[in-house]
Amino acid sequence: MAELIRIYEENPNPKEIKKVIKVLKAGGLIIYPTDTVYGLGCDINNIKALEKVARIKGVKLEKSNFSFICKDLSNLSDYVKQIDTTTFKILKRALPGPYTFILPGSTNLPHPFKKKKTVGIRIPDNKIALEIVNQLGNPIISTSIRDEDYVIEYTTDPELILEKWDKLVDLVIDGGYGDNEASTVIDLSESEPIIVREGKGSLEIF
């Protein structure tokens, strides 16, 4: 049975954030709010938790396209090869925000992702998500929780999310209603930006 905890984005309660960190450090799975849709995530350094997420999503962990939720751009050098000034300026302009940027992966990627040439980086404009990674001390992986309903692609109500994911995760954070539009995905691993998916983030930043 998953626990539902209410955290207010304007002022995330440190006590509740500590609860979330405890679950993540113990290898638990959480569902949490971002600046777009609710995400399913775990500690990036916990192999068993990563494998659980991959099983839920029906993908092989090594081939998964999970994003890394980072607290700010200072995390980048841990997971991404050195980037040029133009790329850095785009990231500075867009983040925190509703974007996922695909960047060339470095040799320091966590073990299951070692063979990946690129990595998706997210710095959402959401205080709850950012405080979680800040307190944890490293990124969490993220994958959107999709809905089978062909009308509503993403569930936005935390109580309905709890109902559906109750037996699959350890904790659901109620951070208010989520959005039902995913992030804009932009590939910056080549010389020119490539729009992979148009979502909530405006393309006017380029």
N, C-alpha and C. Protein backbone atom coordinates (compact mmCIF):
# COMPACT_ATOMS: atom_id res chain seq x y z
N MET A 1 0.84 -1.20 0.00
CA MET A 1 0.00 0.00 0.00
C MET A 1 0.88 1.26 0.00
N ALA A 2 0.65 2.11 -0.97
CA ALA A 2 1.43 3.35 -1.04
C ALA A 2 0.90 4.37 -0.03
N GLU A 3 1.80 5.20 0.45
CA GLU A 3 1.39 6.27 1.35
C GLU A 3 1.18 7.54 0.52
N LEU A 4 0.14 8.30 0.84
CA LEU A 4 -0.10 9.57 0.16
C LEU A 4 0.28 10.69 1.12
N ILE A 5 1.20 11.56 0.69
CA ILE A 5 1.52 12.70 1.55
C ILE A 5 1.33 14.01 0.78
N ARG A 6 0.78 14.98 1.49
CA ARG A 6 0.51 16.28 0.88
C ARG A 6 1.69 17.20 1.12
N ILE A 7 2.25 17.75 0.04
CA ILE A 7 3.33 18.74 0.17
C ILE A 7 2.92 19.96 -0.66
N TYR A 8 3.04 21.12 -0.06
CA TYR A 8 2.65 22.34 -0.77
C TYR A 8 3.85 22.91 -1.51
N GLU A 9 3.65 23.19 -2.80
CA GLU A 9 4.79 23.63 -3.62
C GLU A 9 5.37 24.97 -3.18
N GLU A 10 4.49 25.88 -2.75
CA GLU A 10 4.98 27.22 -2.37
C GLU A 10 6.01 27.13 -1.25
N ASN A 11 5.81 26.15 -0.36
CA ASN A 11 6.70 26.07 0.80
C ASN A 11 6.80 24.61 1.25
N PRO A 12 7.59 23.78 0.54
CA PRO A 12 7.65 22.36 0.89
C PRO A 12 8.11 22.14 2.33
N ASN A 13 7.31 21.36 3.07
CA ASN A 13 7.60 21.08 4.48
C ASN A 13 8.83 20.16 4.60
N PRO A 14 9.92 20.64 5.25
CA PRO A 14 11.15 19.84 5.35
C PRO A 14 10.92 18.46 5.95
N LYS A 15 9.97 18.35 6.90
CA LYS A 15 9.69 17.07 7.54
C LYS A 15 9.14 16.06 6.52
N GLU A 16 8.25 16.55 5.66
CA GLU A 16 7.66 15.67 4.63
C GLU A 16 8.71 15.31 3.57
N ILE A 17 9.57 16.27 3.23
CA ILE A 17 10.65 16.00 2.25
C ILE A 17 11.57 14.91 2.81
N LYS A 18 11.85 14.97 4.11
CA LYS A 18 12.70 13.95 4.76
C LYS A 18 12.09 12.57 4.62
N LYS A 19 10.75 12.49 4.74
CA LYS A 19 10.05 11.20 4.57
C LYS A 19 10.30 10.64 3.17
N VAL A 20 10.23 11.53 2.19
CA VAL A 20 10.43 11.13 0.79
C VAL A 20 11.85 10.61 0.60
N ILE A 21 12.82 11.33 1.17
CA ILE A 21 14.24 10.95 1.05
C ILE A 21 14.47 9.56 1.66
N LYS A 22 13.83 9.32 2.81
CA LYS A 22 13.96 8.03 3.51
C LYS A 22 13.48 6.89 2.59
N VAL A 23 12.34 7.12 1.94
CA VAL A 23 11.79 6.11 1.02
C VAL A 23 12.75 5.87 -0.15
N LEU A 24 13.27 6.97 -0.74
CA LEU A 24 14.19 6.84 -1.88
C LEU A 24 15.47 6.11 -1.48
N LYS A 25 16.02 6.46 -0.33
CA LYS A 25 17.28 5.83 0.11
C LYS A 25 17.09 4.36 0.43
N ALA A 26 15.86 3.98 0.77
CA ALA A 26 15.58 2.57 1.07
C ALA A 26 15.25 1.79 -0.22
N GLY A 27 15.38 2.46 -1.36
CA GLY A 27 15.11 1.78 -2.64
C GLY A 27 13.65 1.83 -3.05
N GLY A 28 12.89 2.76 -2.45
CA GLY A 28 11.47 2.86 -2.77
C GLY A 28 11.20 3.65 -4.05
N LEU A 29 9.98 3.50 -4.54
CA LEU A 29 9.53 4.21 -5.74
C LEU A 29 8.54 5.29 -5.32
N ILE A 30 8.66 6.45 -5.95
CA ILE A 30 7.74 7.54 -5.62
C ILE A 30 7.07 8.08 -6.89
N ILE A 31 5.90 8.67 -6.67
CA ILE A 31 5.26 9.45 -7.74
C ILE A 31 5.21 10.88 -7.22
N TYR A 32 5.69 11.80 -8.02
CA TYR A 32 5.88 13.17 -7.53
C TYR A 32 5.50 14.19 -8.61
N PRO A 33 5.19 15.42 -8.18
CA PRO A 33 4.81 16.44 -9.16
C PRO A 33 6.02 17.08 -9.83
N THR A 34 5.82 17.53 -11.05
CA THR A 34 6.85 18.34 -11.74
C THR A 34 6.12 19.59 -12.24
N ASP A 35 6.75 20.32 -13.15
CA ASP A 35 6.07 21.48 -13.73
C ASP A 35 5.23 21.08 -14.95
N THR A 36 5.21 19.76 -15.22
CA THR A 36 4.36 19.24 -16.32
C THR A 36 3.47 18.15 -15.72
N VAL A 37 3.68 16.91 -16.10
CA VAL A 37 2.85 15.81 -15.59
C VAL A 37 3.52 15.19 -14.36
N TYR A 38 2.76 14.39 -13.62
CA TYR A 38 3.35 13.66 -12.49
C TYR A 38 4.34 12.63 -13.02
N GLY A 39 5.42 12.41 -12.25
CA GLY A 39 6.45 11.48 -12.68
C GLY A 39 6.60 10.32 -11.70
N LEU A 40 7.08 9.20 -12.24
CA LEU A 40 7.44 8.03 -11.43
C LEU A 40 8.95 8.04 -11.34
N GLY A 41 9.48 7.93 -10.13
CA GLY A 41 10.93 8.02 -10.02
C GLY A 41 11.52 7.24 -8.86
N CYS A 42 12.85 7.18 -8.85
CA CYS A 42 13.60 6.54 -7.76
C CYS A 42 15.00 7.13 -7.75
N ASP A 43 15.77 6.74 -6.75
CA ASP A 43 17.15 7.20 -6.63
C ASP A 43 17.96 6.63 -7.80
N ILE A 44 18.67 7.51 -8.48
CA ILE A 44 19.44 7.11 -9.67
C ILE A 44 20.55 6.10 -9.33
N ASN A 45 20.96 6.06 -8.07
CA ASN A 45 22.06 5.17 -7.68
C ASN A 45 21.60 3.84 -7.11
N ASN A 46 20.28 3.59 -7.11
CA ASN A 46 19.79 2.34 -6.54
C ASN A 46 19.35 1.40 -7.67
N ILE A 47 20.21 0.43 -7.97
CA ILE A 47 19.98 -0.47 -9.11
C ILE A 47 18.65 -1.22 -8.99
N LYS A 48 18.36 -1.75 -7.79
CA LYS A 48 17.12 -2.53 -7.64
C LYS A 48 15.89 -1.67 -7.92
N ALA A 49 15.92 -0.43 -7.42
CA ALA A 49 14.80 0.49 -7.66
C ALA A 49 14.68 0.82 -9.15
N LEU A 50 15.82 1.04 -9.80
CA LEU A 50 15.82 1.32 -11.24
C LEU A 50 15.21 0.15 -12.01
N GLU A 51 15.58 -1.06 -11.60
CA GLU A 51 15.05 -2.26 -12.28
C GLU A 51 13.53 -2.37 -12.10
N LYS A 52 13.05 -1.99 -10.91
CA LYS A 52 11.60 -2.02 -10.65
C LYS A 52 10.87 -1.08 -11.59
N VAL A 53 11.41 0.15 -11.74
CA VAL A 53 10.78 1.14 -12.63
C VAL A 53 10.77 0.61 -14.06
N ALA A 54 11.90 0.03 -14.48
CA ALA A 54 11.99 -0.52 -15.85
C ALA A 54 10.95 -1.63 -16.06
N ARG A 55 10.78 -2.49 -15.04
CA ARG A 55 9.78 -3.57 -15.13
C ARG A 55 8.38 -3.00 -15.28
N ILE A 56 8.06 -1.99 -14.46
CA ILE A 56 6.74 -1.36 -14.52
C ILE A 56 6.49 -0.79 -15.92
N LYS A 57 7.53 -0.19 -16.50
CA LYS A 57 7.38 0.44 -17.82
C LYS A 57 7.53 -0.56 -18.96
N GLY A 58 7.89 -1.81 -18.62
CA GLY A 58 8.01 -2.85 -19.64
C GLY A 58 9.19 -2.64 -20.58
N VAL A 59 10.31 -2.11 -20.03
CA VAL A 59 11.50 -1.89 -20.87
C VAL A 59 12.72 -2.50 -20.19
N LYS A 60 13.76 -2.74 -20.98
CA LYS A 60 15.03 -3.21 -20.41
C LYS A 60 15.73 -1.97 -19.85
N LEU A 61 16.27 -2.09 -18.65
CA LEU A 61 16.88 -0.94 -17.98
C LEU A 61 17.97 -0.29 -18.85
N GLU A 62 18.82 -1.11 -19.47
CA GLU A 62 19.93 -0.58 -20.28
C GLU A 62 19.42 0.22 -21.48
N LYS A 63 18.21 -0.13 -21.94
CA LYS A 63 17.68 0.53 -23.15
C LYS A 63 16.64 1.60 -22.82
N SER A 64 16.40 1.82 -21.52
CA SER A 64 15.35 2.77 -21.12
C SER A 64 15.76 4.21 -21.44
N ASN A 65 14.75 5.05 -21.62
CA ASN A 65 15.02 6.47 -21.87
C ASN A 65 14.52 7.32 -20.71
N PHE A 66 14.88 6.94 -19.49
CA PHE A 66 14.47 7.71 -18.33
C PHE A 66 15.25 9.03 -18.30
N SER A 67 14.58 10.09 -17.83
CA SER A 67 15.28 11.37 -17.67
C SER A 67 15.89 11.44 -16.28
N PHE A 68 16.91 12.25 -16.15
CA PHE A 68 17.52 12.51 -14.85
C PHE A 68 16.99 13.86 -14.36
N ILE A 69 16.37 13.86 -13.18
CA ILE A 69 15.91 15.12 -12.59
C ILE A 69 17.06 15.68 -11.75
N CYS A 70 17.57 16.83 -12.15
CA CYS A 70 18.70 17.46 -11.45
C CYS A 70 18.23 18.71 -10.72
N LYS A 71 18.99 19.12 -9.70
CA LYS A 71 18.58 20.31 -8.92
C LYS A 71 18.95 21.60 -9.65
N ASP A 72 20.05 21.56 -10.39
CA ASP A 72 20.46 22.73 -11.18
C ASP A 72 21.53 22.28 -12.17
N LEU A 73 22.12 23.24 -12.86
CA LEU A 73 23.09 22.88 -13.91
C LEU A 73 24.42 22.40 -13.35
N SER A 74 24.64 22.54 -12.04
CA SER A 74 25.91 22.09 -11.46
C SER A 74 26.04 20.57 -11.50
N ASN A 75 24.90 19.86 -11.60
CA ASN A 75 24.92 18.39 -11.70
C ASN A 75 25.40 17.91 -13.07
N LEU A 76 25.31 18.79 -14.06
CA LEU A 76 25.51 18.37 -15.45
C LEU A 76 26.83 17.64 -15.69
N SER A 77 27.92 18.22 -15.19
CA SER A 77 29.24 17.65 -15.50
C SER A 77 29.39 16.22 -14.98
N ASP A 78 28.53 15.82 -14.03
CA ASP A 78 28.58 14.44 -13.52
C ASP A 78 28.09 13.44 -14.55
N TYR A 79 27.20 13.87 -15.43
CA TYR A 79 26.54 12.92 -16.33
C TYR A 79 26.65 13.25 -17.81
N VAL A 80 27.12 14.47 -18.10
CA VAL A 80 27.13 14.94 -19.48
C VAL A 80 28.54 15.33 -19.89
N LYS A 81 28.89 15.01 -21.14
CA LYS A 81 30.20 15.44 -21.67
C LYS A 81 30.23 16.96 -21.72
N GLN A 82 31.44 17.50 -21.80
CA GLN A 82 31.56 18.96 -21.85
C GLN A 82 30.73 19.52 -23.01
N ILE A 83 29.97 20.56 -22.72
CA ILE A 83 29.11 21.14 -23.76
C ILE A 83 29.64 22.51 -24.17
N ASP A 84 29.29 22.93 -25.39
CA ASP A 84 29.78 24.23 -25.85
C ASP A 84 28.96 25.38 -25.27
N THR A 85 29.43 26.59 -25.49
CA THR A 85 28.80 27.79 -24.91
C THR A 85 27.37 27.97 -25.41
N THR A 86 27.14 27.72 -26.71
CA THR A 86 25.80 27.89 -27.28
C THR A 86 24.80 26.99 -26.57
N THR A 87 25.18 25.72 -26.39
CA THR A 87 24.30 24.75 -25.71
C THR A 87 24.05 25.19 -24.28
N PHE A 88 25.10 25.63 -23.60
CA PHE A 88 24.96 26.05 -22.21
C PHE A 88 24.00 27.24 -22.09
N LYS A 89 24.09 28.16 -23.06
CA LYS A 89 23.21 29.35 -23.04
C LYS A 89 21.74 28.95 -23.21
N ILE A 90 21.50 27.95 -24.07
CA ILE A 90 20.11 27.45 -24.26
C ILE A 90 19.60 26.88 -22.94
N LEU A 91 20.43 26.07 -22.27
CA LEU A 91 20.03 25.45 -21.00
C LEU A 91 19.76 26.52 -19.94
N LYS A 92 20.61 27.52 -19.89
CA LYS A 92 20.47 28.61 -18.92
C LYS A 92 19.15 29.35 -19.12
N ARG A 93 18.81 29.56 -20.40
CA ARG A 93 17.57 30.30 -20.71
C ARG A 93 16.33 29.49 -20.37
N ALA A 94 16.41 28.18 -20.61
CA ALA A 94 15.20 27.33 -20.53
C ALA A 94 14.95 26.73 -19.16
N LEU A 95 15.99 26.61 -18.33
CA LEU A 95 15.85 25.86 -17.08
C LEU A 95 15.99 26.75 -15.85
N PRO A 96 15.28 26.47 -14.74
CA PRO A 96 14.29 25.41 -14.62
C PRO A 96 13.08 25.69 -15.52
N GLY A 97 12.53 24.64 -16.09
CA GLY A 97 11.38 24.80 -16.97
C GLY A 97 10.89 23.49 -17.53
N PRO A 98 9.80 23.52 -18.31
CA PRO A 98 9.16 22.28 -18.78
C PRO A 98 9.82 21.65 -20.01
N TYR A 99 11.14 21.44 -19.89
CA TYR A 99 11.90 20.88 -21.01
C TYR A 99 12.68 19.64 -20.57
N THR A 100 12.88 18.72 -21.51
CA THR A 100 13.84 17.63 -21.32
C THR A 100 14.88 17.82 -22.42
N PHE A 101 16.14 17.95 -22.03
CA PHE A 101 17.20 18.13 -23.02
C PHE A 101 18.01 16.85 -23.14
N ILE A 102 18.17 16.39 -24.37
CA ILE A 102 19.00 15.21 -24.62
C ILE A 102 20.41 15.70 -24.91
N LEU A 103 21.34 15.23 -24.08
CA LEU A 103 22.73 15.69 -24.16
C LEU A 103 23.67 14.50 -24.25
N PRO A 104 24.90 14.70 -24.77
CA PRO A 104 25.85 13.58 -24.85
C PRO A 104 26.25 13.09 -23.45
N GLY A 105 26.08 11.81 -23.21
CA GLY A 105 26.39 11.24 -21.89
C GLY A 105 27.88 11.12 -21.65
N SER A 106 28.28 11.29 -20.39
CA SER A 106 29.70 11.18 -20.04
C SER A 106 30.02 9.75 -19.63
N THR A 107 31.28 9.50 -19.35
CA THR A 107 31.71 8.15 -18.93
C THR A 107 31.34 7.88 -17.48
N ASN A 108 30.84 8.92 -16.76
CA ASN A 108 30.49 8.75 -15.34
C ASN A 108 29.06 8.32 -15.11
N LEU A 109 28.33 7.98 -16.16
CA LEU A 109 26.93 7.62 -15.98
C LEU A 109 26.80 6.42 -15.04
N PRO A 110 25.73 6.36 -14.24
CA PRO A 110 25.54 5.19 -13.36
C PRO A 110 25.60 3.89 -14.16
N HIS A 111 26.07 2.85 -13.51
CA HIS A 111 26.37 1.58 -14.17
C HIS A 111 25.36 1.10 -15.23
N PRO A 112 24.05 1.06 -14.94
CA PRO A 112 23.12 0.53 -15.95
C PRO A 112 23.06 1.37 -17.23
N PHE A 113 23.49 2.62 -17.15
CA PHE A 113 23.39 3.51 -18.32
C PHE A 113 24.73 3.73 -19.01
N LYS A 114 25.76 2.97 -18.59
CA LYS A 114 27.12 3.15 -19.10
C LYS A 114 27.21 3.18 -20.62
N LYS A 115 26.42 2.34 -21.28
CA LYS A 115 26.55 2.23 -22.74
C LYS A 115 25.76 3.29 -23.50
N LYS A 116 25.02 4.10 -22.76
CA LYS A 116 24.18 5.10 -23.44
C LYS A 116 25.04 6.27 -23.94
N LYS A 117 24.77 6.64 -25.18
CA LYS A 117 25.53 7.75 -25.76
C LYS A 117 24.94 9.10 -25.35
N THR A 118 23.64 9.10 -25.03
CA THR A 118 22.99 10.36 -24.64
C THR A 118 22.18 10.16 -23.37
N VAL A 119 21.85 11.29 -22.73
CA VAL A 119 21.06 11.24 -21.51
C VAL A 119 20.07 12.41 -21.52
N GLY A 120 18.85 12.15 -21.01
CA GLY A 120 17.83 13.21 -20.93
C GLY A 120 17.92 13.91 -19.58
N ILE A 121 18.08 15.22 -19.62
CA ILE A 121 18.22 16.00 -18.38
C ILE A 121 17.00 16.89 -18.19
N ARG A 122 16.46 16.87 -16.95
CA ARG A 122 15.30 17.70 -16.59
C ARG A 122 15.62 18.50 -15.34
N ILE A 123 15.33 19.80 -15.37
CA ILE A 123 15.35 20.61 -14.14
C ILE A 123 13.99 21.30 -14.10
N PRO A 124 12.99 20.62 -13.51
CA PRO A 124 11.63 21.17 -13.55
C PRO A 124 11.47 22.41 -12.68
N ASP A 125 10.58 23.28 -13.09
CA ASP A 125 10.29 24.47 -12.30
C ASP A 125 9.22 24.11 -11.26
N ASN A 126 9.63 23.26 -10.32
CA ASN A 126 8.72 22.80 -9.28
C ASN A 126 9.54 22.62 -8.00
N LYS A 127 9.18 23.38 -6.96
CA LYS A 127 9.99 23.39 -5.74
C LYS A 127 10.03 22.04 -5.03
N ILE A 128 8.96 21.26 -5.15
CA ILE A 128 8.94 19.94 -4.48
C ILE A 128 9.98 19.03 -5.12
N ALA A 129 9.93 18.91 -6.45
CA ALA A 129 10.88 18.04 -7.17
C ALA A 129 12.32 18.49 -6.92
N LEU A 130 12.56 19.80 -6.98
CA LEU A 130 13.93 20.32 -6.81
C LEU A 130 14.44 20.11 -5.38
N GLU A 131 13.55 20.25 -4.41
CA GLU A 131 13.95 20.06 -3.02
C GLU A 131 14.27 18.59 -2.74
N ILE A 132 13.54 17.70 -3.39
CA ILE A 132 13.81 16.26 -3.22
C ILE A 132 15.23 15.94 -3.70
N VAL A 133 15.57 16.38 -4.93
CA VAL A 133 16.92 16.04 -5.44
C VAL A 133 18.00 16.79 -4.67
N ASN A 134 17.67 17.98 -4.20
CA ASN A 134 18.63 18.75 -3.41
C ASN A 134 18.96 18.01 -2.11
N GLN A 135 17.91 17.55 -1.41
CA GLN A 135 18.11 16.85 -0.13
C GLN A 135 18.70 15.46 -0.32
N LEU A 136 18.35 14.81 -1.41
CA LEU A 136 18.88 13.46 -1.67
C LEU A 136 20.37 13.52 -1.99
N GLY A 137 20.78 14.60 -2.65
CA GLY A 137 22.20 14.76 -2.96
C GLY A 137 22.60 14.24 -4.33
N ASN A 138 21.64 13.69 -5.06
CA ASN A 138 21.90 13.25 -6.44
C ASN A 138 20.56 13.19 -7.18
N PRO A 139 20.60 13.08 -8.50
CA PRO A 139 19.34 13.08 -9.25
C PRO A 139 18.45 11.87 -8.95
N ILE A 140 17.18 12.01 -9.30
CA ILE A 140 16.29 10.85 -9.35
C ILE A 140 15.96 10.64 -10.82
N ILE A 141 15.63 9.41 -11.17
CA ILE A 141 15.22 9.21 -12.56
C ILE A 141 13.73 9.51 -12.66
N SER A 142 13.32 9.83 -13.85
CA SER A 142 11.92 10.21 -14.03
C SER A 142 11.36 9.63 -15.31
N THR A 143 10.13 9.17 -15.20
CA THR A 143 9.38 8.75 -16.38
C THR A 143 7.93 9.13 -16.14
N SER A 144 7.27 9.65 -17.16
CA SER A 144 5.88 10.11 -17.00
C SER A 144 4.96 8.95 -16.69
N ILE A 145 3.93 9.22 -15.88
CA ILE A 145 2.93 8.18 -15.64
C ILE A 145 1.78 8.40 -16.62
N ARG A 146 1.73 7.55 -17.59
CA ARG A 146 0.73 7.70 -18.64
C ARG A 146 -0.57 7.01 -18.24
N ASP A 147 -1.64 7.41 -18.91
CA ASP A 147 -2.95 6.83 -18.64
C ASP A 147 -3.41 6.08 -19.88
N GLU A 148 -4.05 4.94 -19.66
CA GLU A 148 -4.53 4.16 -20.82
C GLU A 148 -5.71 4.83 -21.51
N ASP A 149 -6.35 5.76 -20.81
CA ASP A 149 -7.51 6.45 -21.35
C ASP A 149 -7.08 7.26 -22.58
N TYR A 150 -7.72 7.01 -23.72
CA TYR A 150 -7.27 7.69 -24.93
C TYR A 150 -7.70 9.16 -24.99
N VAL A 151 -8.59 9.56 -24.08
CA VAL A 151 -8.99 10.97 -24.04
C VAL A 151 -8.05 11.75 -23.13
N ILE A 152 -7.84 11.20 -21.92
CA ILE A 152 -6.93 11.85 -20.97
C ILE A 152 -5.64 11.04 -20.97
N GLU A 153 -4.59 11.63 -21.52
CA GLU A 153 -3.34 10.88 -21.62
C GLU A 153 -2.62 10.75 -20.29
N TYR A 154 -2.73 11.77 -19.45
CA TYR A 154 -2.04 11.77 -18.16
C TYR A 154 -3.03 12.04 -17.03
N THR A 155 -2.95 11.23 -15.97
CA THR A 155 -3.81 11.46 -14.80
C THR A 155 -3.27 12.65 -14.03
N THR A 156 -4.15 13.59 -13.69
CA THR A 156 -3.70 14.82 -13.03
C THR A 156 -4.09 14.89 -11.55
N ASP A 157 -5.03 14.05 -11.12
CA ASP A 157 -5.53 14.08 -9.75
C ASP A 157 -4.73 13.09 -8.88
N PRO A 158 -3.99 13.60 -7.87
CA PRO A 158 -3.16 12.72 -7.03
C PRO A 158 -3.93 11.56 -6.39
N GLU A 159 -5.20 11.77 -6.04
CA GLU A 159 -5.96 10.68 -5.40
C GLU A 159 -6.26 9.56 -6.39
N LEU A 160 -6.52 9.95 -7.64
CA LEU A 160 -6.74 8.92 -8.68
C LEU A 160 -5.43 8.21 -9.00
N ILE A 161 -4.33 8.96 -8.95
CA ILE A 161 -3.01 8.36 -9.18
C ILE A 161 -2.74 7.31 -8.10
N LEU A 162 -3.05 7.66 -6.84
CA LEU A 162 -2.85 6.73 -5.73
C LEU A 162 -3.66 5.46 -5.94
N GLU A 163 -4.90 5.63 -6.35
CA GLU A 163 -5.80 4.49 -6.60
C GLU A 163 -5.19 3.52 -7.61
N LYS A 164 -4.63 4.09 -8.67
CA LYS A 164 -4.10 3.28 -9.75
C LYS A 164 -2.73 2.66 -9.44
N TRP A 165 -1.89 3.41 -8.70
CA TRP A 165 -0.50 2.99 -8.49
C TRP A 165 -0.25 2.44 -7.09
N ASP A 166 -1.31 2.30 -6.31
CA ASP A 166 -1.22 1.90 -4.91
C ASP A 166 -0.30 0.71 -4.65
N LYS A 167 -0.38 -0.31 -5.49
CA LYS A 167 0.40 -1.53 -5.23
C LYS A 167 1.76 -1.55 -5.94
N LEU A 168 2.04 -0.50 -6.71
CA LEU A 168 3.27 -0.49 -7.50
C LEU A 168 4.36 0.40 -6.92
N VAL A 169 3.93 1.42 -6.16
CA VAL A 169 4.92 2.35 -5.61
C VAL A 169 4.80 2.43 -4.09
N ASP A 170 5.76 3.11 -3.47
CA ASP A 170 5.76 3.21 -2.01
C ASP A 170 5.15 4.52 -1.51
N LEU A 171 5.21 5.55 -2.35
CA LEU A 171 4.79 6.86 -1.90
C LEU A 171 4.25 7.69 -3.07
N VAL A 172 3.12 8.35 -2.84
CA VAL A 172 2.58 9.29 -3.83
C VAL A 172 2.55 10.66 -3.16
N ILE A 173 3.17 11.64 -3.80
CA ILE A 173 3.15 13.00 -3.26
C ILE A 173 2.00 13.76 -3.90
N ASP A 174 1.14 14.28 -3.06
CA ASP A 174 0.06 15.13 -3.54
C ASP A 174 0.58 16.56 -3.51
N GLY A 175 0.94 17.05 -4.70
CA GLY A 175 1.42 18.43 -4.81
C GLY A 175 0.41 19.29 -5.53
N GLY A 176 -0.86 18.87 -5.44
CA GLY A 176 -1.92 19.59 -6.18
C GLY A 176 -2.13 18.94 -7.54
N TYR A 177 -3.11 19.44 -8.27
CA TYR A 177 -3.39 18.87 -9.59
C TYR A 177 -2.19 19.04 -10.51
N GLY A 178 -1.87 17.99 -11.27
CA GLY A 178 -0.77 18.07 -12.22
C GLY A 178 -1.26 18.60 -13.56
N ASP A 179 -0.32 18.79 -14.47
CA ASP A 179 -0.66 19.21 -15.82
C ASP A 179 -0.94 17.95 -16.63
N ASN A 180 -1.57 18.11 -17.80
CA ASN A 180 -1.74 16.91 -18.63
C ASN A 180 -1.00 17.06 -19.96
N GLU A 181 0.03 17.92 -19.92
CA GLU A 181 0.89 18.09 -21.10
C GLU A 181 2.32 17.83 -20.66
N ALA A 182 2.99 16.94 -21.37
CA ALA A 182 4.36 16.56 -21.00
C ALA A 182 5.36 17.64 -21.40
N SER A 183 6.62 17.41 -21.04
CA SER A 183 7.66 18.39 -21.36
C SER A 183 7.99 18.38 -22.85
N THR A 184 8.53 19.49 -23.32
CA THR A 184 9.07 19.55 -24.68
C THR A 184 10.44 18.88 -24.64
N VAL A 185 10.68 17.96 -25.57
CA VAL A 185 11.96 17.24 -25.60
C VAL A 185 12.80 17.76 -26.76
N ILE A 186 14.01 18.21 -26.43
CA ILE A 186 14.90 18.77 -27.45
C ILE A 186 16.24 18.07 -27.40
N ASP A 187 16.68 17.59 -28.54
CA ASP A 187 17.96 16.89 -28.64
C ASP A 187 19.06 17.91 -28.95
N LEU A 188 19.97 18.07 -27.99
CA LEU A 188 21.09 19.00 -28.18
C LEU A 188 22.40 18.24 -28.30
N SER A 189 22.31 16.96 -28.66
CA SER A 189 23.54 16.15 -28.72
C SER A 189 24.26 16.29 -30.05
N GLU A 190 23.58 16.88 -31.04
CA GLU A 190 24.20 17.11 -32.35
C GLU A 190 24.48 18.60 -32.52
N SER A 191 24.95 18.98 -33.71
CA SER A 191 25.33 20.39 -33.91
C SER A 191 24.12 21.34 -33.90
N GLU A 192 22.96 20.85 -34.35
CA GLU A 192 21.76 21.69 -34.37
C GLU A 192 20.70 21.10 -33.43
N PRO A 193 19.93 21.94 -32.71
CA PRO A 193 18.86 21.41 -31.85
C PRO A 193 17.79 20.70 -32.68
N ILE A 194 17.35 19.54 -32.21
CA ILE A 194 16.28 18.80 -32.90
C ILE A 194 15.12 18.66 -31.93
N ILE A 195 13.92 19.07 -32.38
CA ILE A 195 12.74 18.95 -31.53
C ILE A 195 12.21 17.53 -31.66
N VAL A 196 12.29 16.77 -30.56
CA VAL A 196 11.85 15.37 -30.55
C VAL A 196 10.36 15.29 -30.24
N ARG A 197 9.91 16.14 -29.31
CA ARG A 197 8.50 16.15 -28.94
C ARG A 197 8.12 17.57 -28.50
N GLU A 198 7.06 18.07 -29.10
CA GLU A 198 6.59 19.40 -28.69
C GLU A 198 5.61 19.22 -27.54
N GLY A 199 5.90 19.83 -26.42
CA GLY A 199 5.04 19.71 -25.24
C GLY A 199 4.77 21.08 -24.65
N LYS A 200 4.86 21.15 -23.33
CA LYS A 200 4.48 22.37 -22.62
C LYS A 200 5.47 23.53 -22.86
N GLY A 201 6.73 23.22 -22.99
CA GLY A 201 7.75 24.27 -23.13
C GLY A 201 7.69 24.97 -24.48
N SER A 202 7.72 26.30 -24.46
CA SER A 202 7.68 27.07 -25.70
C SER A 202 8.97 26.89 -26.52
N LEU A 203 8.82 26.93 -27.84
CA LEU A 203 9.99 26.77 -28.71
C LEU A 203 10.65 28.12 -29.00
N GLU A 204 10.11 29.16 -28.40
CA GLU A 204 10.64 30.51 -28.66
C GLU A 204 11.98 30.76 -27.95
N ILE A 205 12.44 29.80 -27.17
CA ILE A 205 13.71 30.00 -26.46
C ILE A 205 14.90 29.86 -27.41
N PHE A 206 14.65 29.37 -28.64
CA PHE A 206 15.76 29.17 -29.58
C PHE A 206 15.94 30.34 -30.51
